[in-house]
Amino acid sequence: MYNEELNARRFGTVNNYEDNPNIIRGSLIPAGKFLFTPRAYVETINDTITIHRFKSAKIVYTALAFLLVVAFSFGSISYITNNRGYPLLAAVNTNDGDAPVIIENPYTHEQTPLKYGVQVAMSQPNFFSETRDSFISAGKTFVEADLTTMQLRFFNNGILQEQVPILSKGKEGSWWETPAGLYQIKSKEKNHFSTFGHVNQPWSMAFQGNFFIHGWPSYPDGTPVAAGYSGGCIRLANNDAEKIYNLVSPNTPVLVYEKTLGADSFVYEPKVPNLDTPHYLLADIESSTILAGSNLDDQAPIASLTKLMTALVAADYINLDKNVSVGQPTFVQSLIPRLQGLNTVSMYSLMQLLLVESSNEAAEVIAAQVGRGKFIGLMNEKAVALGLNQTTLADPSGLSADNISTAGDLLRLVQYIYNNRRFIIDLTANQDLPSAYISGQFGQLENFNKIKDLDNFIGGKVGETEAAGQTSISLHKLMVKGQERILAIILLGSSQRDADVHELLSYAQERFEY
């Protein structure tokens, strides 16, 4: 984020009789007239900045004086709280580096820094609106991409300066679906050639891996791309893309948001069955209702469940439609080796091997495309971005006992994949994705994820190492009270995975399915 100094801001004034100033942050006003009529004063207690609303102009002047004292007295402001007393978001760091963005749960008062990257919470309307409003209150310069209304907005010092329509976004459920999150403009190019789609992207602004904000793309011969195609980027009209391009700079925050269909009010009455497995969870993936569970917050090795994160990072940073070089990883083995003697392989085929046959070799070849160490770093960055606070990843395959997580973290992970990267779930159940226009090169694979004698399985991932025991994430479709529900079963440290899945499903069916 930009390092904007409080004492460098310009303020408009109001007379003693003006109770309702009409120029405030967040309003669209002519360029160059960035005035802010303050309607609050700021109170500092133990580095917490509390905003108090008021109308009296006398208090306005007092607030301005106090605000200047705060600006000169403190090198940074940790976070802003609203008038209910809990923080909204981080404000401004006036001396060194970017200010952290802090979110506090109003019920538990647990404070969590908001990181750059994919954010599950950005799909929650209140979270997004509070994030945006806090950026406005703090006078931030940022880009807002609202994928629900298909509008892109540029805020300059908290004031809406430009608003343009978004013409297309990534297809929902595909591997190029545009992810919600808080990002930064990484780079700018007036005409970027995309190796993903083999097209020229005018006024291109990279903000996350393979994702860009850009104008209408065209093929090398100048032919515009058809209206129905999108590689996951945020596409604008050329003149609108040029406007935004000229307004943003590298490191400008980009807030990407898509509203969910609303709160799920489905209610269960959970009871916990007795299982020998130390860590298990049965939950409704859409309502986040936990039907049964044990030791949800205790860390344990996760084995090949790690490969779900490997697939996520690959989708963000590697073109899944291309062929890649195969360097033989001699330090890992797969139960069914398939890459020996190959010089190149399609990324789609690698994803099949990774998710269907749990290939350790495929995991290492995928990671090698961006550099193994960098790839593992990206895996851990994504874990932080998704709020997986008890998750640490040490390799792309899951062989290391240092790949650890909790049942609760894994529920959050699979919820994100189900809602934002559905193709990964689909691929674990069916190696031939209906949305893919390329095919694998290894023929019919043996699916390790499927569970015998279950016809309600719609996807998931299994793993097994000596340190982790048997691990599993599986999704199942059940009819409950006349509604179709998706239930997640998560197992860590099991010694009889299939039997545990059957027992947990029987528990759910006996109590809820009718």
Protein backbone atom coordinates (compact mmCIF):
# COMPACT_ATOMS: atom_id res chain seq x y z
CA MET A 1 0.00 0.00 0.00
CA TYR A 2 1.05 3.52 -0.43
CA ASN A 3 2.71 5.19 2.52
CA GLU A 4 0.36 8.15 2.82
CA GLU A 5 1.08 10.66 5.58
CA LEU A 6 -1.77 11.98 7.62
CA ASN A 7 -0.24 15.43 7.92
CA ALA A 8 0.02 15.70 4.14
CA ARG A 9 -3.72 15.48 3.58
CA ARG A 10 -5.81 18.49 2.66
CA PHE A 11 -9.00 19.29 4.54
CA GLY A 12 -12.10 21.23 3.63
CA THR A 13 -13.80 23.31 6.31
CA VAL A 14 -17.41 23.78 7.35
CA ASN A 15 -19.13 26.70 9.04
CA ASN A 16 -20.74 26.60 12.46
CA TYR A 17 -24.20 25.94 11.05
CA GLU A 18 -23.37 23.18 8.60
CA ASP A 19 -24.32 19.85 10.11
CA ASN A 20 -24.29 17.73 6.95
CA PRO A 21 -21.23 18.33 4.77
CA ASN A 22 -21.77 16.96 1.26
CA ILE A 23 -18.19 16.22 0.28
CA ILE A 24 -16.87 13.09 1.97
CA ARG A 25 -14.47 10.33 1.16
CA GLY A 26 -15.91 7.74 -1.15
CA SER A 27 -17.85 10.34 -3.19
CA LEU A 28 -17.21 10.76 -6.90
CA ILE A 29 -16.14 14.37 -7.46
CA PRO A 30 -14.32 16.11 -10.32
CA ALA A 31 -10.64 15.28 -10.71
CA GLY A 32 -8.35 17.52 -8.73
CA LYS A 33 -10.88 18.44 -6.02
CA PHE A 34 -9.94 15.92 -3.37
CA LEU A 35 -11.44 17.61 -0.35
CA PHE A 36 -12.40 15.86 2.84
CA THR A 37 -14.88 17.29 5.27
CA PRO A 38 -14.22 15.45 8.53
CA ARG A 39 -17.22 14.06 10.35
CA ALA A 40 -15.44 12.30 13.21
CA TYR A 41 -12.74 12.79 15.75
CA VAL A 42 -10.08 10.25 16.59
CA GLU A 43 -9.25 8.87 20.02
CA THR A 44 -6.07 6.93 20.78
CA ILE A 45 -5.98 4.34 23.56
CA ASN A 46 -3.10 1.86 23.64
CA ASP A 47 -2.38 2.36 19.92
CA THR A 48 -6.03 1.79 19.03
CA ILE A 49 -7.60 4.54 16.97
CA THR A 50 -11.33 4.94 17.64
CA ILE A 51 -13.52 6.98 15.31
CA HIS A 52 -16.34 8.91 17.00
CA ARG A 53 -19.14 10.46 14.92
CA PHE A 54 -20.35 14.00 15.51
CA LYS A 55 -22.12 16.95 13.93
CA SER A 56 -21.02 20.05 15.78
CA ALA A 57 -18.53 22.18 13.82
CA LYS A 58 -16.77 23.15 17.06
CA ILE A 59 -15.95 19.53 17.61
CA VAL A 60 -14.76 19.40 14.00
CA TYR A 61 -12.08 22.00 14.72
CA THR A 62 -11.10 20.22 17.92
CA ALA A 63 -10.91 16.95 16.01
CA LEU A 64 -8.68 18.45 13.34
CA ALA A 65 -6.27 19.77 15.92
CA PHE A 66 -6.24 16.45 17.73
CA LEU A 67 -5.76 14.55 14.47
CA LEU A 68 -2.68 16.62 13.66
CA VAL A 69 -1.28 15.93 17.12
CA VAL A 70 -1.84 12.22 16.56
CA ALA A 71 -0.15 12.40 13.16
CA PHE A 72 2.97 14.06 14.55
CA SER A 73 3.09 12.06 17.76
CA PHE A 74 2.86 8.56 16.34
CA GLY A 75 4.97 7.12 13.54
CA SER A 76 2.29 4.59 12.69
CA ILE A 77 -1.34 3.86 13.38
CA SER A 78 -2.00 0.22 14.09
CA TYR A 79 -5.68 -0.06 13.29
CA ILE A 80 -8.96 1.84 13.28
CA THR A 81 -11.93 0.86 15.39
CA ASN A 82 -15.51 1.75 14.68
CA ASN A 83 -17.88 3.28 17.19
CA ARG A 84 -18.73 -0.14 18.59
CA GLY A 85 -15.19 -0.47 19.84
CA TYR A 86 -13.68 -3.20 17.62
CA PRO A 87 -11.18 -2.62 14.84
CA LEU A 88 -12.27 -2.35 11.23
CA LEU A 89 -8.93 -2.37 9.42
CA ALA A 90 -5.41 -1.03 9.49
CA ALA A 91 -4.90 2.63 8.82
CA VAL A 92 -1.64 4.32 7.88
CA ASN A 93 2.02 3.78 8.64
CA THR A 94 3.66 7.14 8.20
CA ASN A 95 7.31 6.21 8.64
CA ASP A 96 8.41 2.79 7.51
CA GLY A 97 6.82 0.44 5.00
CA ASP A 98 3.24 -0.65 4.52
CA ALA A 99 0.80 -0.54 7.41
CA PRO A 100 -0.56 -3.93 8.45
CA VAL A 101 -4.27 -4.44 7.87
CA ILE A 102 -5.83 -5.82 11.06
CA ILE A 103 -9.19 -7.57 11.35
CA GLU A 104 -10.66 -8.30 14.77
CA ASN A 105 -13.45 -10.76 15.45
CA PRO A 106 -16.06 -8.72 17.38
CA TYR A 107 -17.02 -11.72 19.49
CA THR A 108 -13.68 -13.33 20.32
CA HIS A 109 -11.59 -10.12 19.92
CA GLU A 110 -8.98 -12.18 18.10
CA GLN A 111 -6.93 -9.91 15.83
CA THR A 112 -5.77 -11.21 12.44
CA PRO A 113 -3.55 -9.35 9.96
CA LEU A 114 -5.08 -9.16 6.49
CA LYS A 115 -2.42 -10.31 4.01
CA TYR A 116 -2.10 -9.76 0.32
CA GLY A 117 -3.38 -12.70 -1.71
CA VAL A 118 -6.50 -14.81 -2.04
CA GLN A 119 -9.01 -14.18 0.75
CA VAL A 120 -11.95 -16.44 1.54
CA ALA A 121 -13.41 -13.62 3.62
CA MET A 122 -13.60 -11.36 0.56
CA SER A 123 -16.55 -13.47 -0.57
CA GLN A 124 -18.48 -12.32 2.52
CA PRO A 125 -20.37 -9.07 1.83
CA ASN A 126 -19.85 -7.48 5.26
CA PHE A 127 -16.15 -8.25 5.29
CA PHE A 128 -15.63 -6.68 1.88
CA SER A 129 -17.68 -3.58 2.59
CA GLU A 130 -15.88 -3.00 5.89
CA THR A 131 -12.53 -3.46 4.19
CA ARG A 132 -13.41 -0.97 1.46
CA ASP A 133 -14.97 1.53 3.85
CA SER A 134 -11.93 1.39 6.12
CA PHE A 135 -9.64 2.03 3.16
CA ILE A 136 -11.79 5.04 2.34
CA SER A 137 -11.73 6.27 5.94
CA ALA A 138 -7.96 5.92 6.02
CA GLY A 139 -7.61 7.87 2.77
CA LYS A 140 -6.16 4.97 0.78
CA THR A 141 -5.49 4.99 -2.94
CA PHE A 142 -6.72 1.62 -4.26
CA VAL A 143 -8.60 -0.25 -6.99
CA GLU A 144 -11.90 -2.01 -6.24
CA ALA A 145 -13.01 -4.76 -8.64
CA ASP A 146 -16.63 -5.65 -7.84
CA LEU A 147 -17.28 -8.88 -9.75
CA THR A 148 -20.94 -8.94 -8.67
CA THR A 149 -21.96 -5.64 -10.26
CA MET A 150 -19.10 -5.91 -12.81
CA GLN A 151 -17.72 -2.49 -11.96
CA LEU A 152 -14.11 -1.44 -11.43
CA ARG A 153 -13.49 1.67 -9.33
CA PHE A 154 -10.36 3.72 -8.65
CA PHE A 155 -10.18 5.58 -5.34
CA ASN A 156 -7.63 8.38 -4.99
CA ASN A 157 -6.89 9.19 -1.34
CA GLY A 158 -10.22 7.62 -0.39
CA ILE A 159 -12.25 9.47 -3.02
CA LEU A 160 -13.85 7.70 -5.96
CA GLN A 161 -12.22 9.19 -9.05
CA GLU A 162 -13.06 6.69 -11.82
CA GLN A 163 -15.66 3.96 -12.31
CA VAL A 164 -15.71 1.77 -15.42
CA PRO A 165 -17.59 -1.41 -16.37
CA ILE A 166 -15.90 -4.81 -16.26
CA LEU A 167 -16.61 -6.55 -19.55
CA SER A 168 -15.60 -10.08 -18.56
CA LYS A 169 -14.10 -12.17 -15.76
CA GLY A 170 -13.01 -15.78 -15.32
CA LYS A 171 -15.66 -18.45 -15.73
CA GLU A 172 -17.06 -19.65 -12.40
CA GLY A 173 -15.93 -23.16 -11.49
CA SER A 174 -13.16 -23.20 -14.10
CA TRP A 175 -9.44 -23.19 -13.40
CA TRP A 176 -9.30 -19.60 -14.64
CA GLU A 177 -12.00 -18.27 -12.27
CA THR A 178 -10.97 -14.82 -11.00
CA PRO A 179 -10.17 -15.20 -7.27
CA ALA A 180 -11.44 -12.79 -4.61
CA GLY A 181 -8.72 -11.25 -2.50
CA LEU A 182 -6.51 -8.28 -1.66
CA TYR A 183 -3.68 -7.88 -4.15
CA GLN A 184 -1.25 -5.26 -5.43
CA ILE A 185 -0.43 -4.03 -8.91
CA LYS A 186 2.79 -5.93 -9.59
CA SER A 187 3.72 -4.47 -12.98
CA LYS A 188 2.36 -2.47 -15.92
CA GLU A 189 2.80 -2.91 -19.67
CA LYS A 190 1.14 -0.89 -22.41
CA ASN A 191 0.92 -4.06 -24.50
CA HIS A 192 1.55 -7.40 -22.79
CA PHE A 193 1.78 -10.62 -24.81
CA SER A 194 0.09 -13.41 -22.87
CA THR A 195 1.70 -16.82 -23.21
CA PHE A 196 -1.46 -18.20 -21.61
CA GLY A 197 -3.84 -17.20 -24.42
CA HIS A 198 -1.24 -16.19 -27.03
CA VAL A 199 -2.85 -12.78 -27.35
CA ASN A 200 -1.82 -9.16 -26.91
CA GLN A 201 -3.35 -7.49 -23.84
CA PRO A 202 -3.37 -3.67 -24.13
CA TRP A 203 -2.94 -1.53 -21.00
CA SER A 204 -2.07 -4.58 -18.93
CA MET A 205 -1.74 -4.47 -15.13
CA ALA A 206 -0.61 -7.70 -13.41
CA PHE A 207 -2.01 -8.24 -9.91
CA GLN A 208 -1.74 -11.99 -9.06
CA GLY A 209 0.12 -14.78 -10.86
CA ASN A 210 -1.62 -15.28 -14.20
CA PHE A 211 -4.25 -12.61 -13.51
CA PHE A 212 -4.30 -9.13 -15.05
CA ILE A 213 -6.50 -6.08 -15.48
CA HIS A 214 -6.33 -5.18 -19.18
CA GLY A 215 -8.12 -3.92 -22.28
CA TRP A 216 -9.67 -5.98 -25.06
CA PRO A 217 -7.14 -8.62 -26.18
CA SER A 218 -6.28 -9.37 -29.80
CA TYR A 219 -4.37 -12.04 -31.67
CA PRO A 220 -0.95 -11.24 -33.19
CA ASP A 221 -2.59 -10.51 -36.56
CA GLY A 222 -4.75 -7.84 -34.90
CA THR A 223 -8.00 -9.84 -34.78
CA PRO A 224 -9.90 -9.09 -31.53
CA VAL A 225 -10.59 -12.04 -29.23
CA ALA A 226 -14.19 -13.27 -29.28
CA ALA A 227 -16.47 -11.86 -26.60
CA GLY A 228 -17.14 -15.21 -24.93
CA TYR A 229 -13.54 -16.08 -24.13
CA SER A 230 -11.80 -15.14 -20.87
CA GLY A 231 -8.61 -16.45 -19.34
CA GLY A 232 -9.57 -15.27 -15.85
CA CYS A 233 -8.40 -11.68 -16.15
CA ILE A 234 -10.48 -8.58 -15.48
CA ARG A 235 -11.21 -7.23 -18.96
CA LEU A 236 -12.10 -3.59 -19.63
CA ALA A 237 -12.81 -1.58 -22.75
CA ASN A 238 -9.55 -0.26 -24.20
CA ASN A 239 -10.23 3.39 -23.38
CA ASP A 240 -11.28 2.48 -19.83
CA ALA A 241 -8.22 0.26 -19.35
CA GLU A 242 -6.01 3.15 -20.49
CA LYS A 243 -7.63 5.46 -17.93
CA ILE A 244 -6.99 3.04 -15.07
CA TYR A 245 -3.50 2.25 -16.36
CA ASN A 246 -2.57 5.93 -16.18
CA LEU A 247 -3.97 6.25 -12.65
CA VAL A 248 -2.40 3.26 -10.89
CA SER A 249 1.20 2.62 -9.94
CA PRO A 250 3.04 -0.54 -8.91
CA ASN A 251 2.00 -1.58 -5.37
CA THR A 252 -1.43 0.05 -5.66
CA PRO A 253 -3.79 -2.25 -3.67
CA VAL A 254 -6.41 -4.14 -5.70
CA LEU A 255 -9.50 -5.32 -3.82
CA VAL A 256 -11.28 -8.09 -5.78
CA TYR A 257 -14.71 -9.10 -4.52
CA GLU A 258 -17.64 -11.26 -5.55
CA LYS A 259 -20.72 -11.39 -3.37
CA THR A 260 -22.00 -14.79 -2.32
CA LEU A 261 -25.65 -15.71 -2.63
CA GLY A 262 -26.26 -14.78 0.99
CA ALA A 263 -26.08 -16.34 4.41
CA ASP A 264 -27.00 -20.01 4.63
CA SER A 265 -29.51 -20.48 7.44
CA PHE A 266 -29.59 -24.28 7.36
CA VAL A 267 -29.38 -25.62 10.95
CA TYR A 268 -28.29 -29.02 12.27
CA GLU A 269 -28.43 -30.46 15.77
CA PRO A 270 -24.99 -32.06 16.00
CA LYS A 271 -23.99 -34.97 18.18
CA VAL A 272 -20.50 -36.46 18.21
CA PRO A 273 -20.08 -40.18 17.43
CA ASN A 274 -17.26 -42.22 18.90
CA LEU A 275 -14.38 -42.95 16.52
CA ASP A 276 -10.89 -44.22 17.23
CA THR A 277 -9.42 -41.74 14.73
CA PRO A 278 -7.89 -38.86 16.75
CA HIS A 279 -8.76 -36.01 14.34
CA TYR A 280 -12.00 -36.04 12.37
CA LEU A 281 -14.59 -33.60 11.14
CA LEU A 282 -18.01 -33.90 9.54
CA ALA A 283 -19.37 -30.56 8.34
CA ASP A 284 -21.81 -28.95 5.95
CA ILE A 285 -19.51 -27.16 3.52
CA GLU A 286 -21.99 -24.41 2.61
CA SER A 287 -23.23 -23.45 6.07
CA SER A 288 -19.97 -24.34 7.89
CA THR A 289 -22.07 -26.29 10.41
CA ILE A 290 -20.02 -28.96 12.19
CA LEU A 291 -22.04 -32.13 12.66
CA ALA A 292 -19.31 -34.10 14.38
CA GLY A 293 -15.66 -33.59 15.18
CA SER A 294 -12.72 -34.22 17.46
CA ASN A 295 -9.52 -32.24 18.10
CA LEU A 296 -10.33 -29.78 15.34
CA ASP A 297 -7.53 -27.37 16.21
CA ASP A 298 -4.76 -29.90 16.95
CA GLN A 299 -1.98 -30.03 14.36
CA ALA A 300 -1.13 -33.31 12.66
CA PRO A 301 0.75 -34.43 9.51
CA ILE A 302 -1.52 -34.39 6.45
CA ALA A 303 0.45 -36.44 3.88
CA SER A 304 -0.85 -36.09 0.30
CA LEU A 305 -3.67 -33.71 1.26
CA THR A 306 -0.82 -31.25 0.67
CA LYS A 307 -1.38 -31.79 -3.07
CA LEU A 308 -4.61 -29.78 -2.93
CA MET A 309 -2.51 -26.71 -2.12
CA THR A 310 -0.03 -27.70 -4.83
CA ALA A 311 -2.89 -27.69 -7.33
CA LEU A 312 -4.11 -24.28 -6.11
CA VAL A 313 -0.71 -22.64 -6.50
CA ALA A 314 -0.21 -24.27 -9.90
CA ALA A 315 -3.52 -22.81 -11.07
CA ASP A 316 -2.41 -19.33 -9.98
CA TYR A 317 1.11 -19.31 -11.39
CA ILE A 318 1.36 -21.84 -14.24
CA ASN A 319 -0.45 -21.95 -17.57
CA LEU A 320 -2.40 -25.20 -17.25
CA ASP A 321 -2.86 -25.51 -21.01
CA LYS A 322 0.81 -25.71 -21.95
CA ASN A 323 3.41 -28.47 -22.22
CA VAL A 324 6.25 -28.30 -19.69
CA SER A 325 9.69 -29.87 -19.44
CA VAL A 326 10.06 -32.98 -17.31
CA GLY A 327 13.12 -33.10 -15.09
CA GLN A 328 13.28 -36.51 -13.43
CA PRO A 329 12.99 -36.00 -9.63
CA THR A 330 15.20 -38.78 -8.30
CA PHE A 331 14.41 -38.07 -4.65
CA VAL A 332 10.73 -39.07 -4.79
CA GLN A 333 8.83 -42.08 -6.03
CA SER A 334 5.20 -42.59 -6.97
CA LEU A 335 3.15 -45.73 -6.47
CA ILE A 336 2.50 -45.74 -10.22
CA PRO A 337 5.49 -44.11 -11.99
CA ARG A 338 4.51 -42.60 -15.33
CA LEU A 339 7.03 -39.87 -16.16
CA GLN A 340 10.16 -41.92 -16.87
CA GLY A 341 11.64 -41.30 -20.30
CA LEU A 342 9.49 -38.25 -21.05
CA ASN A 343 10.95 -34.90 -22.06
CA THR A 344 7.71 -32.92 -21.99
CA VAL A 345 4.24 -33.42 -20.57
CA SER A 346 1.08 -31.33 -20.56
CA MET A 347 0.23 -29.50 -17.34
CA TYR A 348 -3.28 -30.95 -17.55
CA SER A 349 -1.80 -34.46 -17.50
CA LEU A 350 0.36 -33.52 -14.51
CA MET A 351 -2.71 -32.25 -12.67
CA GLN A 352 -4.45 -35.55 -13.43
CA LEU A 353 -1.52 -37.53 -12.03
CA LEU A 354 -1.26 -35.22 -9.01
CA LEU A 355 -4.91 -35.36 -7.99
CA VAL A 356 -6.14 -38.74 -9.27
CA GLU A 357 -3.15 -41.03 -8.68
CA SER A 358 -1.46 -38.81 -6.06
CA SER A 359 1.80 -38.76 -8.02
CA ASN A 360 4.73 -37.42 -6.01
CA GLU A 361 6.75 -37.09 -9.21
CA ALA A 362 4.05 -34.91 -10.76
CA ALA A 363 4.07 -32.70 -7.66
CA GLU A 364 7.82 -32.12 -7.97
CA VAL A 365 7.70 -31.47 -11.72
CA ILE A 366 4.93 -28.91 -11.17
CA ALA A 367 6.90 -27.15 -8.44
CA ALA A 368 10.00 -27.09 -10.63
CA GLN A 369 8.22 -24.90 -13.18
CA VAL A 370 8.65 -21.85 -10.93
CA GLY A 371 11.49 -23.21 -8.79
CA ARG A 372 10.94 -25.67 -5.97
CA GLY A 373 11.84 -23.32 -3.12
CA LYS A 374 9.79 -20.46 -4.53
CA PHE A 375 6.83 -22.77 -5.11
CA ILE A 376 6.85 -24.01 -1.51
CA GLY A 377 7.02 -20.39 -0.40
CA LEU A 378 3.96 -19.62 -2.53
CA MET A 379 2.13 -22.57 -0.96
CA ASN A 380 2.73 -21.18 2.51
CA GLU A 381 1.79 -17.65 1.39
CA LYS A 382 -1.52 -18.98 0.10
CA ALA A 383 -2.11 -20.82 3.37
CA VAL A 384 -1.70 -17.52 5.23
CA ALA A 385 -3.92 -15.70 2.72
CA LEU A 386 -6.68 -18.26 3.25
CA GLY A 387 -6.45 -17.92 7.03
CA LEU A 388 -4.95 -21.39 7.56
CA ASN A 389 -3.07 -20.26 10.64
CA GLN A 390 -2.18 -23.76 11.86
CA THR A 391 -0.91 -24.99 8.49
CA THR A 392 2.76 -25.32 7.43
CA LEU A 393 3.85 -26.88 4.14
CA ALA A 394 7.34 -28.29 3.59
CA ASP A 395 7.15 -29.87 0.12
CA PRO A 396 4.71 -30.10 -2.81
CA SER A 397 4.00 -33.83 -2.45
CA GLY A 398 3.18 -34.29 1.25
CA LEU A 399 5.92 -36.87 1.88
CA SER A 400 7.50 -34.79 4.64
CA ALA A 401 6.14 -35.14 8.17
CA ASP A 402 6.54 -31.36 8.39
CA ASN A 403 3.45 -30.84 6.21
CA ILE A 404 1.02 -30.18 9.06
CA SER A 405 -2.45 -28.76 9.46
CA THR A 406 -5.66 -29.17 11.45
CA ALA A 407 -9.10 -30.49 10.61
CA GLY A 408 -10.45 -26.96 11.01
CA ASP A 409 -7.89 -25.47 8.61
CA LEU A 410 -8.55 -28.21 6.08
CA LEU A 411 -12.27 -27.48 6.17
CA ARG A 412 -11.51 -23.85 5.30
CA LEU A 413 -9.22 -25.01 2.50
CA VAL A 414 -11.76 -27.33 0.91
CA GLN A 415 -14.47 -24.67 1.24
CA TYR A 416 -12.29 -22.27 -0.73
CA ILE A 417 -11.55 -24.87 -3.40
CA TYR A 418 -15.21 -25.82 -3.69
CA ASN A 419 -16.34 -22.21 -4.06
CA ASN A 420 -13.46 -20.77 -6.09
CA ARG A 421 -11.54 -23.60 -7.78
CA ARG A 422 -14.23 -26.22 -8.32
CA PHE A 423 -12.33 -27.81 -11.19
CA ILE A 424 -9.83 -29.24 -8.66
CA ILE A 425 -12.62 -31.05 -6.80
CA ASP A 426 -14.12 -32.24 -10.08
CA LEU A 427 -10.75 -33.56 -11.24
CA THR A 428 -10.27 -35.66 -8.10
CA ALA A 429 -13.51 -37.51 -8.91
CA ASN A 430 -13.33 -37.56 -12.70
CA GLN A 431 -10.02 -37.27 -14.53
CA ASP A 432 -11.69 -35.86 -17.66
CA LEU A 433 -13.04 -32.42 -16.86
CA PRO A 434 -16.05 -31.49 -18.99
CA SER A 435 -14.80 -27.88 -19.20
CA ALA A 436 -11.30 -28.82 -20.41
CA TYR A 437 -10.58 -28.60 -24.13
CA ILE A 438 -7.37 -30.61 -23.84
CA SER A 439 -6.96 -34.26 -22.93
CA GLY A 440 -4.53 -36.21 -20.82
CA GLN A 441 -1.79 -38.34 -22.33
CA PHE A 442 -1.76 -41.31 -19.96
CA GLY A 443 -5.13 -42.87 -20.69
CA GLN A 444 -7.37 -44.10 -17.90
CA LEU A 445 -5.82 -43.58 -14.47
CA GLU A 446 -6.48 -45.43 -11.23
CA ASN A 447 -8.43 -43.12 -8.94
CA PHE A 448 -7.09 -43.48 -5.39
CA ASN A 449 -9.67 -41.07 -3.95
CA LYS A 450 -12.88 -43.00 -4.49
CA ILE A 451 -14.41 -44.91 -1.61
CA LYS A 452 -15.84 -48.36 -2.17
CA ASP A 453 -19.63 -48.80 -2.07
CA LEU A 454 -20.38 -45.05 -2.00
CA ASP A 455 -22.33 -43.40 -4.81
CA ASN A 456 -22.61 -39.95 -3.17
CA PHE A 457 -18.86 -39.12 -3.45
CA ILE A 458 -18.27 -35.98 -5.54
CA GLY A 459 -14.55 -35.42 -4.95
CA GLY A 460 -11.73 -35.38 -2.45
CA LYS A 461 -8.14 -36.39 -1.77
CA VAL A 462 -6.48 -39.15 0.24
CA GLY A 463 -2.99 -39.52 1.66
CA GLU A 464 -0.90 -41.92 3.68
CA THR A 465 2.56 -41.86 5.22
CA GLU A 466 4.08 -43.54 8.24
CA ALA A 467 4.03 -40.26 10.19
CA ALA A 468 0.52 -39.19 9.14
CA GLY A 469 -1.27 -42.51 9.04
CA GLN A 470 -4.24 -42.44 6.66
CA THR A 471 -5.61 -39.00 5.83
CA SER A 472 -8.61 -37.97 3.79
CA ILE A 473 -10.80 -35.11 2.63
CA SER A 474 -13.97 -36.23 0.87
CA LEU A 475 -17.13 -34.44 -0.25
CA HIS A 476 -20.53 -36.15 -0.37
CA LYS A 477 -23.93 -35.13 -1.67
CA LEU A 478 -26.89 -35.86 0.63
CA MET A 479 -30.57 -34.88 0.65
CA VAL A 480 -31.47 -33.33 3.99
CA LYS A 481 -34.95 -31.99 4.74
CA GLY A 482 -35.61 -31.90 1.02
CA GLN A 483 -32.46 -29.91 0.27
CA GLU A 484 -29.34 -31.07 -1.47
CA ARG A 485 -26.40 -30.57 0.89
CA ILE A 486 -22.65 -31.06 0.43
CA LEU A 487 -20.96 -32.63 3.45
CA ALA A 488 -17.20 -32.72 4.00
CA ILE A 489 -15.47 -35.52 5.90
CA ILE A 490 -11.90 -34.87 7.07
CA LEU A 491 -9.72 -37.53 8.69
CA LEU A 492 -6.20 -37.22 10.10
CA GLY A 493 -4.32 -40.11 11.69
CA SER A 494 -6.83 -42.77 10.75
CA SER A 495 -5.99 -46.48 10.63
CA GLN A 496 -9.18 -47.46 8.77
CA ARG A 497 -10.05 -44.57 6.49
CA ASP A 498 -12.84 -46.14 4.44
CA ALA A 499 -14.56 -47.55 7.54
CA ASP A 500 -14.39 -44.14 9.24
CA VAL A 501 -15.92 -42.41 6.22
CA HIS A 502 -18.74 -44.94 6.12
CA GLU A 503 -19.41 -44.56 9.85
CA LEU A 504 -19.53 -40.76 9.67
CA LEU A 505 -21.82 -40.84 6.65
CA SER A 506 -24.11 -43.32 8.38
CA TYR A 507 -24.23 -40.99 11.36
CA ALA A 508 -25.28 -38.11 9.10
CA GLN A 509 -27.80 -40.16 7.14
CA GLU A 510 -29.46 -41.65 10.22
CA ARG A 511 -29.95 -38.25 11.84
CA PHE A 512 -30.47 -35.87 8.92
CA GLU A 513 -31.11 -37.56 5.56
CA TYR A 514 -34.77 -37.82 4.63
